[in-house]
Amino acid sequence: SNLADYPVAAAVAASAAVPLAFAPVVIETFPQQC
């Protein structure tokens, strides 16, 4: 996956996603791409 295009705010939101207060943040894997 391409890190350069990933939003900084999305990474910070994942880092602060307390269980129950937030649903898990989802990252998709693309093993077929490489």
PDB file of all heavy atoms in Angstrom:
ATOM      1  N   SER A   1       0.835  -1.192   0.000  1.00  0.00           N
ATOM      2  CA  SER A   1       0.000   0.000   0.000  1.00  0.00           C
ATOM      3  C   SER A   1       0.871   1.243   0.000  1.00  0.00           C
ATOM      4  O   SER A   1       2.045   1.202   0.373  1.00  0.00           O
ATOM      5  CB  SER A   1      -0.923  -0.003   1.225  1.00  0.00           C
ATOM      6  OG  SER A   1      -1.832   1.077   1.186  1.00  0.00           O
ATOM      7  N   ASN A   2       0.273   2.356  -0.411  1.00  0.00           N
ATOM      8  CA  ASN A   2       0.998   3.612  -0.574  1.00  0.00           C
ATOM      9  C   ASN A   2       0.848   4.486   0.671  1.00  0.00           C
ATOM     10  O   ASN A   2      -0.208   5.061   0.923  1.00  0.00           O
ATOM     11  CB  ASN A   2       0.462   4.342  -1.816  1.00  0.00           C
ATOM     12  CG  ASN A   2       1.246   5.594  -2.122  1.00  0.00           C
ATOM     13  OD1 ASN A   2       2.271   5.863  -1.504  1.00  0.00           O
ATOM     14  ND2 ASN A   2       0.768   6.359  -3.080  1.00  0.00           N
ATOM     15  N   LEU A   3       1.912   4.594   1.466  1.00  0.00           N
ATOM     16  CA  LEU A   3       1.865   5.398   2.687  1.00  0.00           C
ATOM     17  C   LEU A   3       1.772   6.887   2.373  1.00  0.00           C
ATOM     18  O   LEU A   3       1.096   7.636   3.091  1.00  0.00           O
ATOM     19  CB  LEU A   3       3.107   5.120   3.542  1.00  0.00           C
ATOM     20  CG  LEU A   3       3.262   5.965   4.799  1.00  0.00           C
ATOM     21  CD1 LEU A   3       2.116   5.712   5.774  1.00  0.00           C
ATOM     22  CD2 LEU A   3       4.604   5.690   5.471  1.00  0.00           C
ATOM     23  N   ALA A   4       2.420   7.346   1.329  1.00  0.00           N
ATOM     24  CA  ALA A   4       2.494   8.783   1.038  1.00  0.00           C
ATOM     25  C   ALA A   4       1.109   9.409   0.891  1.00  0.00           C
ATOM     26  O   ALA A   4       0.912  10.575   1.233  1.00  0.00           O
ATOM     27  CB  ALA A   4       3.314   9.027  -0.216  1.00  0.00           C
ATOM     28  N   ASP A   5       0.132   8.662   0.391  1.00  0.00           N
ATOM     29  CA  ASP A   5      -1.207   9.201   0.180  1.00  0.00           C
ATOM     30  C   ASP A   5      -2.122   9.035   1.389  1.00  0.00           C
ATOM     31  O   ASP A   5      -3.276   9.480   1.352  1.00  0.00           O
ATOM     32  CB  ASP A   5      -1.866   8.524  -1.029  1.00  0.00           C
ATOM     33  CG  ASP A   5      -1.212   8.925  -2.349  1.00  0.00           C
ATOM     34  OD1 ASP A   5      -0.590   9.996  -2.385  1.00  0.00           O
ATOM     35  OD2 ASP A   5      -1.313   8.151  -3.319  1.00  0.00           O
ATOM     36  N   TYR A   6      -1.648   8.416   2.448  1.00  0.00           N
ATOM     37  CA  TYR A   6      -2.524   8.144   3.589  1.00  0.00           C
ATOM     38  C   TYR A   6      -2.648   9.390   4.459  1.00  0.00           C
ATOM     39  O   TYR A   6      -1.653  10.045   4.784  1.00  0.00           O
ATOM     40  CB  TYR A   6      -1.977   6.977   4.416  1.00  0.00           C
ATOM     41  CG  TYR A   6      -3.010   6.389   5.357  1.00  0.00           C
ATOM     42  CD1 TYR A   6      -4.015   5.552   4.875  1.00  0.00           C
ATOM     43  CD2 TYR A   6      -3.002   6.698   6.715  1.00  0.00           C
ATOM     44  CE1 TYR A   6      -4.973   5.023   5.725  1.00  0.00           C
ATOM     45  CE2 TYR A   6      -3.955   6.177   7.570  1.00  0.00           C
ATOM     46  CZ  TYR A   6      -4.943   5.343   7.074  1.00  0.00           C
ATOM     47  OH  TYR A   6      -5.900   4.821   7.912  1.00  0.00           O
ATOM     48  N   PRO A   7      -3.864   9.750   4.889  1.00  0.00           N
ATOM     49  CA  PRO A   7      -4.050  10.974   5.681  1.00  0.00           C
ATOM     50  C   PRO A   7      -3.421  10.852   7.067  1.00  0.00           C
ATOM     51  O   PRO A   7      -3.592   9.844   7.754  1.00  0.00           O
ATOM     52  CB  PRO A   7      -5.577  11.096   5.794  1.00  0.00           C
ATOM     53  CG  PRO A   7      -6.130  10.242   4.695  1.00  0.00           C
ATOM     54  CD  PRO A   7      -5.152   9.122   4.527  1.00  0.00           C
ATOM     55  N   VAL A   8      -2.724  11.887   7.475  1.00  0.00           N
ATOM     56  CA  VAL A   8      -2.138  11.916   8.813  1.00  0.00           C
ATOM     57  C   VAL A   8      -3.237  11.828   9.863  1.00  0.00           C
ATOM     58  O   VAL A   8      -3.104  11.126  10.876  1.00  0.00           O
ATOM     59  CB  VAL A   8      -1.300  13.192   9.003  1.00  0.00           C
ATOM     60  CG1 VAL A   8      -0.835  13.341  10.453  1.00  0.00           C
ATOM     61  CG2 VAL A   8      -0.100  13.192   8.064  1.00  0.00           C
ATOM     62  N   ALA A   9      -4.347  12.535   9.654  1.00  0.00           N
ATOM     63  CA  ALA A   9      -5.448  12.521  10.620  1.00  0.00           C
ATOM     64  C   ALA A   9      -6.013  11.126  10.809  1.00  0.00           C
ATOM     65  O   ALA A   9      -6.443  10.772  11.920  1.00  0.00           O
ATOM     66  CB  ALA A   9      -6.554  13.479  10.172  1.00  0.00           C
ATOM     67  N   ALA A  10      -6.023  10.312   9.755  1.00  0.00           N
ATOM     68  CA  ALA A  10      -6.543   8.958   9.868  1.00  0.00           C
ATOM     69  C   ALA A  10      -5.637   8.099  10.737  1.00  0.00           C
ATOM     70  O   ALA A  10      -6.102   7.276  11.531  1.00  0.00           O
ATOM     71  CB  ALA A  10      -6.690   8.333   8.480  1.00  0.00           C
ATOM     72  N   ALA A  11      -4.318   8.269  10.594  1.00  0.00           N
ATOM     73  CA  ALA A  11      -3.377   7.515  11.426  1.00  0.00           C
ATOM     74  C   ALA A  11      -3.512   7.914  12.889  1.00  0.00           C
ATOM     75  O   ALA A  11      -3.508   7.068  13.787  1.00  0.00           O
ATOM     76  CB  ALA A  11      -1.953   7.751  10.942  1.00  0.00           C
ATOM     77  N   VAL A  12      -3.647   9.210  13.145  1.00  0.00           N
ATOM     78  CA  VAL A  12      -3.806   9.694  14.521  1.00  0.00           C
ATOM     79  C   VAL A  12      -5.129   9.190  15.106  1.00  0.00           C
ATOM     80  O   VAL A  12      -5.192   8.789  16.278  1.00  0.00           O
ATOM     81  CB  VAL A  12      -3.730  11.228  14.567  1.00  0.00           C
ATOM     82  CG1 VAL A  12      -4.118  11.755  15.937  1.00  0.00           C
ATOM     83  CG2 VAL A  12      -2.324  11.695  14.202  1.00  0.00           C
ATOM     84  N   ALA A  13      -6.186   9.178  14.305  1.00  0.00           N
ATOM     85  CA  ALA A  13      -7.472   8.668  14.780  1.00  0.00           C
ATOM     86  C   ALA A  13      -7.374   7.193  15.138  1.00  0.00           C
ATOM     87  O   ALA A  13      -7.972   6.746  16.123  1.00  0.00           O
ATOM     88  CB  ALA A  13      -8.551   8.893  13.714  1.00  0.00           C
ATOM     89  N   ALA A  14      -6.615   6.432  14.369  1.00  0.00           N
ATOM     90  CA  ALA A  14      -6.406   5.018  14.695  1.00  0.00           C
ATOM     91  C   ALA A  14      -5.619   4.873  15.990  1.00  0.00           C
ATOM     92  O   ALA A  14      -5.920   4.033  16.838  1.00  0.00           O
ATOM     93  CB  ALA A  14      -5.670   4.318  13.555  1.00  0.00           C
ATOM     94  N   SER A  15      -4.612   5.701  16.157  1.00  0.00           N
ATOM     95  CA  SER A  15      -3.779   5.639  17.358  1.00  0.00           C
ATOM     96  C   SER A  15      -4.576   5.948  18.614  1.00  0.00           C
ATOM     97  O   SER A  15      -4.247   5.461  19.702  1.00  0.00           O
ATOM     98  CB  SER A  15      -2.613   6.629  17.229  1.00  0.00           C
ATOM     99  OG  SER A  15      -1.747   6.553  18.333  1.00  0.00           O
ATOM    100  N   ALA A  16      -5.646   6.753  18.474  1.00  0.00           N
ATOM    101  CA  ALA A  16      -6.454   7.185  19.620  1.00  0.00           C
ATOM    102  C   ALA A  16      -7.800   6.477  19.700  1.00  0.00           C
ATOM    103  O   ALA A  16      -8.665   6.891  20.483  1.00  0.00           O
ATOM    104  CB  ALA A  16      -6.668   8.695  19.555  1.00  0.00           C
ATOM    105  N   ALA A  17      -7.995   5.420  18.925  1.00  0.00           N
ATOM    106  CA  ALA A  17      -9.302   4.758  18.855  1.00  0.00           C
ATOM    107  C   ALA A  17      -9.504   3.831  20.049  1.00  0.00           C
ATOM    108  O   ALA A  17      -9.222   2.630  19.998  1.00  0.00           O
ATOM    109  CB  ALA A  17      -9.430   3.985  17.542  1.00  0.00           C
ATOM    110  N   VAL A  18     -10.014   4.379  21.133  1.00  0.00           N
ATOM    111  CA  VAL A  18     -10.259   3.599  22.344  1.00  0.00           C
ATOM    112  C   VAL A  18     -11.373   2.585  22.086  1.00  0.00           C
ATOM    113  O   VAL A  18     -12.397   2.922  21.491  1.00  0.00           O
ATOM    114  CB  VAL A  18     -10.654   4.535  23.499  1.00  0.00           C
ATOM    115  CG1 VAL A  18     -10.993   3.743  24.748  1.00  0.00           C
ATOM    116  CG2 VAL A  18      -9.522   5.501  23.781  1.00  0.00           C
ATOM    117  N   PRO A  19     -11.185   1.340  22.530  1.00  0.00           N
ATOM    118  CA  PRO A  19     -12.222   0.318  22.324  1.00  0.00           C
ATOM    119  C   PRO A  19     -13.573   0.767  22.875  1.00  0.00           C
ATOM    120  O   PRO A  19     -13.661   1.424  23.911  1.00  0.00           O
ATOM    121  CB  PRO A  19     -11.680  -0.883  23.106  1.00  0.00           C
ATOM    122  CG  PRO A  19     -10.201  -0.689  23.134  1.00  0.00           C
ATOM    123  CD  PRO A  19      -9.991   0.799  23.202  1.00  0.00           C
ATOM    124  N   LEU A  20     -14.627   0.437  22.161  1.00  0.00           N
ATOM    125  CA  LEU A  20     -16.015   0.766  22.452  1.00  0.00           C
ATOM    126  C   LEU A  20     -16.347   2.214  22.117  1.00  0.00           C
ATOM    127  O   LEU A  20     -17.386   2.478  21.529  1.00  0.00           O
ATOM    128  CB  LEU A  20     -16.383   0.481  23.919  1.00  0.00           C
ATOM    129  CG  LEU A  20     -16.282  -0.974  24.369  1.00  0.00           C
ATOM    130  CD1 LEU A  20     -16.797  -1.112  25.801  1.00  0.00           C
ATOM    131  CD2 LEU A  20     -17.045  -1.900  23.450  1.00  0.00           C
ATOM    132  N   ALA A  21     -15.488   3.167  22.482  1.00  0.00           N
ATOM    133  CA  ALA A  21     -15.756   4.548  22.087  1.00  0.00           C
ATOM    134  C   ALA A  21     -15.667   4.688  20.575  1.00  0.00           C
ATOM    135  O   ALA A  21     -16.368   5.499  19.972  1.00  0.00           O
ATOM    136  CB  ALA A  21     -14.785   5.502  22.763  1.00  0.00           C
ATOM    137  N   PHE A  22     -14.766   3.901  19.954  1.00  0.00           N
ATOM    138  CA  PHE A  22     -14.586   3.927  18.504  1.00  0.00           C
ATOM    139  C   PHE A  22     -14.632   2.511  17.949  1.00  0.00           C
ATOM    140  O   PHE A  22     -14.180   1.559  18.598  1.00  0.00           O
ATOM    141  CB  PHE A  22     -13.229   4.538  18.127  1.00  0.00           C
ATOM    142  CG  PHE A  22     -13.115   6.003  18.416  1.00  0.00           C
ATOM    143  CD1 PHE A  22     -12.631   6.451  19.631  1.00  0.00           C
ATOM    144  CD2 PHE A  22     -13.499   6.947  17.471  1.00  0.00           C
ATOM    145  CE1 PHE A  22     -12.520   7.800  19.912  1.00  0.00           C
ATOM    146  CE2 PHE A  22     -13.393   8.299  17.743  1.00  0.00           C
ATOM    147  CZ  PHE A  22     -12.909   8.726  18.967  1.00  0.00           C
ATOM    148  N   ALA A  23     -15.186   2.387  16.757  1.00  0.00           N
ATOM    149  CA  ALA A  23     -15.051   1.137  16.019  1.00  0.00           C
ATOM    150  C   ALA A  23     -13.628   1.039  15.483  1.00  0.00           C
ATOM    151  O   ALA A  23     -12.975   2.058  15.255  1.00  0.00           O
ATOM    152  CB  ALA A  23     -16.051   1.112  14.862  1.00  0.00           C
ATOM    153  N   PRO A  24     -13.114  -0.166  15.294  1.00  0.00           N
ATOM    154  CA  PRO A  24     -11.735  -0.299  14.795  1.00  0.00           C
ATOM    155  C   PRO A  24     -11.537   0.407  13.460  1.00  0.00           C
ATOM    156  O   PRO A  24     -12.402   0.381  12.579  1.00  0.00           O
ATOM    157  CB  PRO A  24     -11.573  -1.818  14.638  1.00  0.00           C
ATOM    158  CG  PRO A  24     -12.550  -2.409  15.603  1.00  0.00           C
ATOM    159  CD  PRO A  24     -13.723  -1.466  15.603  1.00  0.00           C
ATOM    160  N   VAL A  25     -10.387   1.070  13.334  1.00  0.00           N
ATOM    161  CA  VAL A  25      -9.976   1.654  12.059  1.00  0.00           C
ATOM    162  C   VAL A  25      -9.464   0.523  11.173  1.00  0.00           C
ATOM    163  O   VAL A  25      -8.763  -0.376  11.642  1.00  0.00           O
ATOM    164  CB  VAL A  25      -8.900   2.728  12.276  1.00  0.00           C
ATOM    165  CG1 VAL A  25      -8.364   3.242  10.945  1.00  0.00           C
ATOM    166  CG2 VAL A  25      -9.472   3.879  13.097  1.00  0.00           C
ATOM    167  N   VAL A  26      -9.819   0.568   9.883  1.00  0.00           N
ATOM    168  CA  VAL A  26      -9.545  -0.556   8.991  1.00  0.00           C
ATOM    169  C   VAL A  26      -8.490  -0.172   7.949  1.00  0.00           C
ATOM    170  O   VAL A  26      -8.568   0.892   7.324  1.00  0.00           O
ATOM    171  CB  VAL A  26     -10.835  -1.012   8.270  1.00  0.00           C
ATOM    172  CG1 VAL A  26     -10.550  -2.199   7.355  1.00  0.00           C
ATOM    173  CG2 VAL A  26     -11.915  -1.378   9.302  1.00  0.00           C
ATOM    174  N   ILE A  27      -7.504  -1.058   7.790  1.00  0.00           N
ATOM    175  CA  ILE A  27      -6.491  -0.939   6.738  1.00  0.00           C
ATOM    176  C   ILE A  27      -6.610  -2.177   5.848  1.00  0.00           C
ATOM    177  O   ILE A  27      -6.613  -3.306   6.346  1.00  0.00           O
ATOM    178  CB  ILE A  27      -5.064  -0.879   7.330  1.00  0.00           C
ATOM    179  CG1 ILE A  27      -4.911   0.331   8.244  1.00  0.00           C
ATOM    180  CG2 ILE A  27      -4.021  -0.861   6.224  1.00  0.00           C
ATOM    181  CD1 ILE A  27      -4.863   1.655   7.527  1.00  0.00           C
ATOM    182  N   GLU A  28      -6.702  -1.974   4.550  1.00  0.00           N
ATOM    183  CA  GLU A  28      -6.820  -3.104   3.622  1.00  0.00           C
ATOM    184  C   GLU A  28      -5.439  -3.541   3.144  1.00  0.00           C
ATOM    185  O   GLU A  28      -4.557  -2.713   2.901  1.00  0.00           O
ATOM    186  CB  GLU A  28      -7.679  -2.719   2.419  1.00  0.00           C
ATOM    187  CG  GLU A  28      -7.978  -3.893   1.495  1.00  0.00           C
ATOM    188  CD  GLU A  28      -8.984  -3.555   0.413  1.00  0.00           C
ATOM    189  OE1 GLU A  28      -9.467  -2.401   0.389  1.00  0.00           O
ATOM    190  OE2 GLU A  28      -9.293  -4.442  -0.408  1.00  0.00           O
ATOM    191  N   THR A  29      -5.249  -4.851   3.033  1.00  0.00           N
ATOM    192  CA  THR A  29      -3.998  -5.383   2.489  1.00  0.00           C
ATOM    193  C   THR A  29      -4.189  -5.718   1.011  1.00  0.00           C
ATOM    194  O   THR A  29      -5.272  -6.104   0.583  1.00  0.00           O
ATOM    195  CB  THR A  29      -3.550  -6.637   3.253  1.00  0.00           C
ATOM    196  OG1 THR A  29      -4.509  -7.694   3.051  1.00  0.00           O
ATOM    197  CG2 THR A  29      -3.422  -6.354   4.744  1.00  0.00           C
ATOM    198  N   PHE A  30      -3.103  -5.592   0.236  1.00  0.00           N
ATOM    199  CA  PHE A  30      -3.164  -5.845  -1.213  1.00  0.00           C
ATOM    200  C   PHE A  30      -2.026  -6.783  -1.628  1.00  0.00           C
ATOM    201  O   PHE A  30      -1.184  -6.423  -2.456  1.00  0.00           O
ATOM    202  CB  PHE A  30      -3.048  -4.532  -1.985  1.00  0.00           C
ATOM    203  CG  PHE A  30      -4.090  -3.506  -1.619  1.00  0.00           C
ATOM    204  CD1 PHE A  30      -3.788  -2.470  -0.744  1.00  0.00           C
ATOM    205  CD2 PHE A  30      -5.371  -3.586  -2.140  1.00  0.00           C
ATOM    206  CE1 PHE A  30      -4.735  -1.518  -0.407  1.00  0.00           C
ATOM    207  CE2 PHE A  30      -6.328  -2.637  -1.810  1.00  0.00           C
ATOM    208  CZ  PHE A  30      -6.017  -1.596  -0.941  1.00  0.00           C
ATOM    209  N   PRO A  31      -1.962  -7.987  -1.070  1.00  0.00           N
ATOM    210  CA  PRO A  31      -0.830  -8.879  -1.386  1.00  0.00           C
ATOM    211  C   PRO A  31      -0.748  -9.247  -2.859  1.00  0.00           C
ATOM    212  O   PRO A  31       0.335  -9.527  -3.377  1.00  0.00           O
ATOM    213  CB  PRO A  31      -1.091 -10.103  -0.509  1.00  0.00           C
ATOM    214  CG  PRO A  31      -2.562 -10.068  -0.226  1.00  0.00           C
ATOM    215  CD  PRO A  31      -2.911  -8.613  -0.147  1.00  0.00           C
ATOM    216  N   GLN A  32      -1.890  -9.222  -3.554  1.00  0.00           N
ATOM    217  CA  GLN A  32      -1.887  -9.570  -4.974  1.00  0.00           C
ATOM    218  C   GLN A  32      -1.210  -8.499  -5.823  1.00  0.00           C
ATOM    219  O   GLN A  32      -0.850  -8.744  -6.977  1.00  0.00           O
ATOM    220  CB  GLN A  32      -3.322  -9.802  -5.464  1.00  0.00           C
ATOM    221  CG  GLN A  32      -4.180  -8.545  -5.544  1.00  0.00           C
ATOM    222  CD  GLN A  32      -4.732  -8.085  -4.200  1.00  0.00           C
ATOM    223  OE1 GLN A  32      -4.452  -8.709  -3.177  1.00  0.00           O
ATOM    224  NE2 GLN A  32      -5.522  -7.021  -4.209  1.00  0.00           N
ATOM    225  N   GLN A  33      -1.028  -7.300  -5.261  1.00  0.00           N
ATOM    226  CA  GLN A  33      -0.426  -6.211  -6.018  1.00  0.00           C
ATOM    227  C   GLN A  33       1.088  -6.339  -6.139  1.00  0.00           C
ATOM    228  O   GLN A  33       1.696  -5.745  -7.025  1.00  0.00           O
ATOM    229  CB  GLN A  33      -0.752  -4.872  -5.356  1.00  0.00           C
ATOM    230  CG  GLN A  33      -2.234  -4.525  -5.355  1.00  0.00           C
ATOM    231  CD  GLN A  33      -2.746  -4.266  -6.763  1.00  0.00           C
ATOM    232  OE1 GLN A  33      -3.668  -4.929  -7.220  1.00  0.00           O
ATOM    233  NE2 GLN A  33      -2.137  -3.335  -7.461  1.00  0.00           N
ATOM    234  N   CYS A  34       1.712  -7.047  -5.210  1.00  0.00           N
ATOM    235  CA  CYS A  34       3.166  -7.220  -5.262  1.00  0.00           C
ATOM    236  C   CYS A  34       3.497  -8.630  -4.792  1.00  0.00           C
ATOM    237  O   CYS A  34       3.648  -8.865  -3.596  1.00  0.00           O
ATOM    238  CB  CYS A  34       3.898  -6.161  -4.440  1.00  0.00           C
ATOM    239  SG  CYS A  34       3.267  -5.902  -2.772  1.00  0.00           S
TER     240      CYS A  34
END
